[in-house]
């Protein structure tokens, strides 16, 4: 398996979230949000969202699976039954290929 650098820059949070806002602050922020929504509607500004942001949003909604649960269950079952077979040659080949790739990168 080859893992390369990310195509999008990392996303970092720059604004700390207050622990417990007061009721007055909540009312003020709600009215400010309403005013901002009205001004955004009339401004007609186009907004684009990066692919990383869309992927993160989809992951937060649970639309993407990070793990193939069907394959995990099949491997777990094979291990429990004692029928899981490890191919040491395939592991060694991939390990050597990854090491060679790393050496090639450091030489260039």
N, C-alpha and C. Protein backbone atom coordinates (compact mmCIF):
# COMPACT_ATOMS: atom_id res chain seq x y z
N UNK A 1 0.85 -1.16 0.00
CA UNK A 1 0.00 0.00 0.00
C UNK A 1 0.90 1.23 0.00
N UNK A 2 0.59 2.18 -0.87
CA UNK A 2 1.37 3.41 -0.95
C UNK A 2 0.54 4.55 -0.40
N UNK A 3 1.16 5.32 0.45
CA UNK A 3 0.49 6.48 1.02
C UNK A 3 1.29 7.71 0.62
N UNK A 4 0.63 8.63 -0.06
CA UNK A 4 1.30 9.84 -0.51
C UNK A 4 0.86 11.04 0.29
N UNK A 5 1.41 12.20 -0.06
CA UNK A 5 1.01 13.42 0.66
C UNK A 5 -0.41 13.81 0.31
N UNK A 6 -1.09 14.51 1.21
CA UNK A 6 -2.47 14.92 0.93
C UNK A 6 -2.52 15.94 -0.20
N UNK A 7 -3.60 15.91 -0.98
CA UNK A 7 -3.73 16.82 -2.11
C UNK A 7 -4.23 18.19 -1.68
N UNK A 8 -4.95 18.27 -0.56
CA UNK A 8 -5.46 19.54 -0.06
C UNK A 8 -4.67 19.93 1.18
N UNK A 9 -4.52 21.24 1.44
CA UNK A 9 -3.82 21.66 2.66
C UNK A 9 -4.62 21.26 3.89
N UNK A 10 -3.94 21.05 5.04
CA UNK A 10 -4.65 20.65 6.25
C UNK A 10 -5.58 21.75 6.74
N UNK A 11 -6.66 21.32 7.37
CA UNK A 11 -7.64 22.24 7.92
C UNK A 11 -7.40 22.33 9.42
N UNK A 12 -7.26 23.56 9.92
CA UNK A 12 -7.06 23.73 11.36
C UNK A 12 -8.10 24.69 11.90
N UNK A 13 -8.45 24.48 13.14
CA UNK A 13 -9.41 25.37 13.80
C UNK A 13 -8.64 26.53 14.41
N UNK A 14 -9.05 27.76 14.10
CA UNK A 14 -8.35 28.92 14.63
C UNK A 14 -9.17 29.67 15.66
N UNK A 15 -10.44 29.36 15.78
CA UNK A 15 -11.30 30.05 16.73
C UNK A 15 -11.68 29.10 17.85
N UNK A 16 -11.29 29.42 19.11
CA UNK A 16 -11.67 28.54 20.22
C UNK A 16 -13.17 28.63 20.48
N UNK A 17 -13.74 27.53 20.91
CA UNK A 17 -15.17 27.48 21.22
C UNK A 17 -15.35 27.73 22.70
N UNK A 18 -16.20 28.71 23.09
CA UNK A 18 -16.40 28.97 24.52
C UNK A 18 -17.10 27.79 25.19
N UNK A 19 -16.77 27.57 26.46
CA UNK A 19 -17.31 26.43 27.19
C UNK A 19 -18.80 26.55 27.43
N UNK A 20 -19.26 27.68 27.96
CA UNK A 20 -20.69 27.85 28.24
C UNK A 20 -21.05 29.31 28.03
N UNK A 21 -21.62 29.67 26.88
CA UNK A 21 -21.97 31.07 26.65
C UNK A 21 -23.16 31.47 27.50
N UNK A 22 -23.19 32.75 27.86
CA UNK A 22 -24.31 33.25 28.65
C UNK A 22 -25.55 33.39 27.78
N UNK A 23 -26.70 33.57 28.44
CA UNK A 23 -27.96 33.70 27.70
C UNK A 23 -27.96 34.96 26.85
N UNK A 24 -27.40 36.05 27.37
CA UNK A 24 -27.34 37.30 26.62
C UNK A 24 -26.46 37.14 25.39
N UNK A 25 -25.35 36.43 25.54
CA UNK A 25 -24.45 36.20 24.41
C UNK A 25 -25.14 35.33 23.36
N UNK A 26 -25.92 34.35 23.80
CA UNK A 26 -26.64 33.48 22.87
C UNK A 26 -27.65 34.27 22.07
N UNK A 27 -28.40 35.17 22.75
CA UNK A 27 -29.39 35.99 22.05
C UNK A 27 -28.72 36.94 21.06
N UNK A 28 -27.59 37.53 21.47
CA UNK A 28 -26.88 38.46 20.58
C UNK A 28 -26.34 37.73 19.37
N UNK A 29 -25.77 36.54 19.58
CA UNK A 29 -25.22 35.79 18.45
C UNK A 29 -26.33 35.30 17.53
N UNK A 30 -27.49 34.96 18.09
CA UNK A 30 -28.61 34.51 17.25
C UNK A 30 -29.11 35.64 16.37
N UNK A 31 -29.21 36.86 16.94
CA UNK A 31 -29.68 37.98 16.11
C UNK A 31 -28.63 38.37 15.09
N UNK A 32 -27.34 38.26 15.45
CA UNK A 32 -26.28 38.55 14.49
C UNK A 32 -26.28 37.52 13.37
N UNK A 33 -26.52 36.26 13.71
CA UNK A 33 -26.57 35.22 12.69
C UNK A 33 -27.73 35.45 11.74
N UNK A 34 -28.87 35.89 12.28
CA UNK A 34 -30.02 36.18 11.43
C UNK A 34 -29.74 37.33 10.49
N UNK A 35 -29.08 38.38 11.00
CA UNK A 35 -28.73 39.52 10.15
C UNK A 35 -27.72 39.12 9.09
N UNK A 36 -26.75 38.28 9.48
CA UNK A 36 -25.75 37.84 8.51
C UNK A 36 -26.39 36.99 7.43
N UNK A 37 -27.35 36.16 7.80
CA UNK A 37 -28.02 35.32 6.81
C UNK A 37 -28.78 36.18 5.82
N UNK A 38 -29.44 37.24 6.31
CA UNK A 38 -30.17 38.13 5.41
C UNK A 38 -29.23 38.85 4.47
N UNK A 39 -28.07 39.31 4.99
CA UNK A 39 -27.14 40.04 4.13
C UNK A 39 -26.49 39.10 3.12
N UNK A 40 -26.24 37.84 3.51
CA UNK A 40 -25.67 36.87 2.58
C UNK A 40 -26.64 36.55 1.46
N UNK A 41 -27.91 36.50 1.77
CA UNK A 41 -28.90 36.20 0.74
C UNK A 41 -28.96 37.31 -0.28
N UNK A 42 -28.87 38.56 0.16
CA UNK A 42 -28.99 39.67 -0.78
C UNK A 42 -27.68 39.94 -1.50
N UNK A 43 -26.54 39.50 -0.94
CA UNK A 43 -25.25 39.78 -1.54
C UNK A 43 -25.04 38.97 -2.81
N UNK A 44 -25.54 37.75 -2.86
CA UNK A 44 -25.38 36.91 -4.05
C UNK A 44 -23.93 36.49 -4.28
N UNK A 45 -23.19 36.24 -3.22
CA UNK A 45 -21.80 35.85 -3.32
C UNK A 45 -21.71 34.35 -3.53
N UNK A 46 -20.95 33.94 -4.54
CA UNK A 46 -20.76 32.51 -4.80
C UNK A 46 -19.71 31.96 -3.85
N UNK A 47 -19.99 30.81 -3.29
CA UNK A 47 -19.07 30.16 -2.35
C UNK A 47 -18.72 28.79 -2.90
N UNK A 48 -17.43 28.46 -2.89
CA UNK A 48 -17.01 27.13 -3.32
C UNK A 48 -16.42 26.40 -2.11
N UNK A 49 -16.64 25.11 -2.08
CA UNK A 49 -16.17 24.28 -0.98
C UNK A 49 -15.16 23.29 -1.54
N UNK A 50 -14.02 23.16 -0.87
CA UNK A 50 -12.98 22.26 -1.35
C UNK A 50 -13.43 20.80 -1.23
N UNK A 51 -12.74 19.95 -1.96
CA UNK A 51 -13.07 18.52 -1.90
C UNK A 51 -12.81 17.96 -0.51
N UNK A 52 -11.78 18.47 0.16
CA UNK A 52 -11.49 18.01 1.52
C UNK A 52 -12.64 18.36 2.45
N UNK A 53 -13.17 19.58 2.33
CA UNK A 53 -14.29 19.99 3.17
C UNK A 53 -15.52 19.14 2.90
N UNK A 54 -15.77 18.83 1.63
CA UNK A 54 -16.92 17.98 1.29
C UNK A 54 -16.74 16.58 1.85
N UNK A 55 -15.53 16.05 1.77
CA UNK A 55 -15.26 14.72 2.29
C UNK A 55 -15.43 14.69 3.81
N UNK A 56 -14.92 15.72 4.49
CA UNK A 56 -15.08 15.78 5.94
C UNK A 56 -16.54 15.90 6.33
N UNK A 57 -17.30 16.69 5.61
CA UNK A 57 -18.72 16.84 5.91
C UNK A 57 -19.46 15.52 5.71
N UNK A 58 -19.13 14.81 4.62
CA UNK A 58 -19.77 13.51 4.36
C UNK A 58 -19.41 12.52 5.46
N UNK A 59 -18.16 12.55 5.93
CA UNK A 59 -17.74 11.65 7.00
C UNK A 59 -18.47 11.98 8.30
N UNK A 60 -18.66 13.27 8.56
CA UNK A 60 -19.39 13.66 9.77
C UNK A 60 -20.84 13.21 9.74
N UNK A 61 -21.42 13.15 8.55
CA UNK A 61 -22.80 12.69 8.43
C UNK A 61 -22.87 11.17 8.39
N UNK A 62 -21.75 10.50 8.31
CA UNK A 62 -21.73 9.04 8.29
C UNK A 62 -22.01 8.44 6.93
N UNK A 63 -21.81 9.22 5.86
CA UNK A 63 -22.09 8.71 4.52
C UNK A 63 -20.94 7.91 3.93
N UNK A 64 -19.76 8.05 4.49
CA UNK A 64 -18.62 7.31 3.96
C UNK A 64 -18.15 6.32 5.01
N UNK A 65 -17.70 5.18 4.56
CA UNK A 65 -17.19 4.16 5.47
C UNK A 65 -15.67 4.15 5.37
N UNK A 66 -15.00 4.28 6.51
CA UNK A 66 -13.56 4.25 6.54
C UNK A 66 -13.04 2.81 6.50
N UNK A 67 -13.88 1.88 6.89
CA UNK A 67 -13.48 0.49 7.00
C UNK A 67 -14.49 -0.38 6.26
N UNK A 68 -13.98 -1.36 5.55
CA UNK A 68 -14.85 -2.33 4.88
C UNK A 68 -15.27 -3.36 5.92
N UNK A 69 -16.40 -3.13 6.56
CA UNK A 69 -16.83 -3.99 7.67
C UNK A 69 -17.08 -5.42 7.23
N UNK A 70 -17.50 -5.61 6.00
CA UNK A 70 -17.73 -6.97 5.50
C UNK A 70 -16.42 -7.75 5.46
N UNK A 71 -15.35 -7.10 4.98
CA UNK A 71 -14.05 -7.76 4.91
C UNK A 71 -13.49 -8.00 6.32
N UNK A 72 -13.67 -7.03 7.21
CA UNK A 72 -13.20 -7.19 8.59
C UNK A 72 -13.89 -8.38 9.25
N UNK A 73 -15.18 -8.50 9.06
CA UNK A 73 -15.92 -9.62 9.65
C UNK A 73 -15.47 -10.95 9.06
N UNK A 74 -15.17 -10.98 7.76
CA UNK A 74 -14.70 -12.21 7.13
C UNK A 74 -13.34 -12.62 7.68
N UNK A 75 -12.43 -11.66 7.83
CA UNK A 75 -11.10 -11.97 8.37
C UNK A 75 -11.21 -12.39 9.83
N UNK A 76 -12.03 -11.68 10.60
CA UNK A 76 -12.23 -12.03 12.02
C UNK A 76 -12.75 -13.46 12.15
N UNK A 77 -13.71 -13.81 11.31
CA UNK A 77 -14.29 -15.15 11.33
C UNK A 77 -13.24 -16.20 10.99
N UNK A 78 -12.42 -15.91 9.97
CA UNK A 78 -11.38 -16.86 9.56
C UNK A 78 -10.35 -17.05 10.67
N UNK A 79 -10.00 -15.97 11.37
CA UNK A 79 -9.04 -16.08 12.47
C UNK A 79 -9.63 -16.91 13.60
N UNK A 80 -10.89 -16.66 13.94
CA UNK A 80 -11.54 -17.41 15.02
C UNK A 80 -11.64 -18.90 14.69
N UNK A 81 -11.86 -19.22 13.41
CA UNK A 81 -11.98 -20.61 13.00
C UNK A 81 -10.63 -21.28 12.77
N UNK A 82 -9.56 -20.48 12.77
CA UNK A 82 -8.23 -21.02 12.55
C UNK A 82 -7.91 -21.29 11.10
N UNK A 83 -8.69 -20.73 10.19
CA UNK A 83 -8.47 -20.98 8.77
C UNK A 83 -7.79 -19.81 8.05
N UNK A 84 -7.41 -18.76 8.79
CA UNK A 84 -6.76 -17.60 8.16
C UNK A 84 -5.32 -17.97 7.85
N UNK A 85 -4.93 -17.77 6.60
CA UNK A 85 -3.59 -18.13 6.15
C UNK A 85 -2.83 -16.85 5.80
N UNK A 86 -1.64 -16.70 6.38
CA UNK A 86 -0.78 -15.55 6.10
C UNK A 86 0.19 -15.95 5.00
N UNK A 87 0.33 -15.10 3.99
CA UNK A 87 1.25 -15.35 2.88
C UNK A 87 2.53 -14.56 3.15
N UNK A 88 3.55 -15.20 3.74
CA UNK A 88 4.77 -14.47 4.11
C UNK A 88 5.52 -13.92 2.89
N UNK A 89 5.43 -14.60 1.75
CA UNK A 89 6.11 -14.11 0.55
C UNK A 89 5.50 -12.79 0.08
N UNK A 90 4.18 -12.69 0.11
CA UNK A 90 3.51 -11.45 -0.31
C UNK A 90 3.88 -10.31 0.63
N UNK A 91 3.93 -10.60 1.92
CA UNK A 91 4.30 -9.57 2.89
C UNK A 91 5.73 -9.12 2.67
N UNK A 92 6.63 -10.07 2.46
CA UNK A 92 8.04 -9.74 2.23
C UNK A 92 8.21 -8.94 0.94
N UNK A 93 7.50 -9.33 -0.12
CA UNK A 93 7.60 -8.61 -1.39
C UNK A 93 7.15 -7.16 -1.24
N UNK A 94 6.04 -6.95 -0.56
CA UNK A 94 5.53 -5.58 -0.38
C UNK A 94 6.44 -4.77 0.52
N UNK A 95 6.99 -5.40 1.55
CA UNK A 95 7.91 -4.71 2.44
C UNK A 95 9.16 -4.26 1.69
N UNK A 96 9.71 -5.14 0.87
CA UNK A 96 10.90 -4.80 0.09
C UNK A 96 10.59 -3.73 -0.96
N UNK A 97 9.43 -3.80 -1.59
CA UNK A 97 9.05 -2.80 -2.59
C UNK A 97 8.90 -1.43 -1.94
N UNK A 98 8.29 -1.38 -0.76
CA UNK A 98 8.14 -0.10 -0.06
C UNK A 98 9.50 0.45 0.39
N UNK A 99 10.39 -0.42 0.85
CA UNK A 99 11.72 0.01 1.26
C UNK A 99 12.50 0.54 0.06
N UNK A 100 12.38 -0.14 -1.09
CA UNK A 100 13.07 0.31 -2.30
C UNK A 100 12.54 1.67 -2.74
N UNK A 101 11.24 1.85 -2.67
CA UNK A 101 10.63 3.14 -3.05
C UNK A 101 11.12 4.25 -2.13
N UNK A 102 11.22 3.97 -0.85
CA UNK A 102 11.71 4.96 0.11
C UNK A 102 13.17 5.32 -0.18
N UNK A 103 13.98 4.33 -0.49
CA UNK A 103 15.38 4.59 -0.82
C UNK A 103 15.50 5.41 -2.11
N UNK A 104 14.67 5.10 -3.09
CA UNK A 104 14.69 5.86 -4.34
C UNK A 104 14.34 7.32 -4.10
N UNK A 105 13.38 7.57 -3.23
CA UNK A 105 12.98 8.96 -2.93
C UNK A 105 14.10 9.72 -2.24
N UNK A 106 14.81 9.07 -1.32
CA UNK A 106 15.87 9.77 -0.59
C UNK A 106 17.07 10.04 -1.48
N UNK A 107 17.29 9.24 -2.50
CA UNK A 107 18.41 9.45 -3.42
C UNK A 107 18.14 10.61 -4.37
N UNK A 108 16.91 10.85 -4.68
CA UNK A 108 16.56 11.91 -5.64
C UNK A 108 16.37 13.20 -4.98
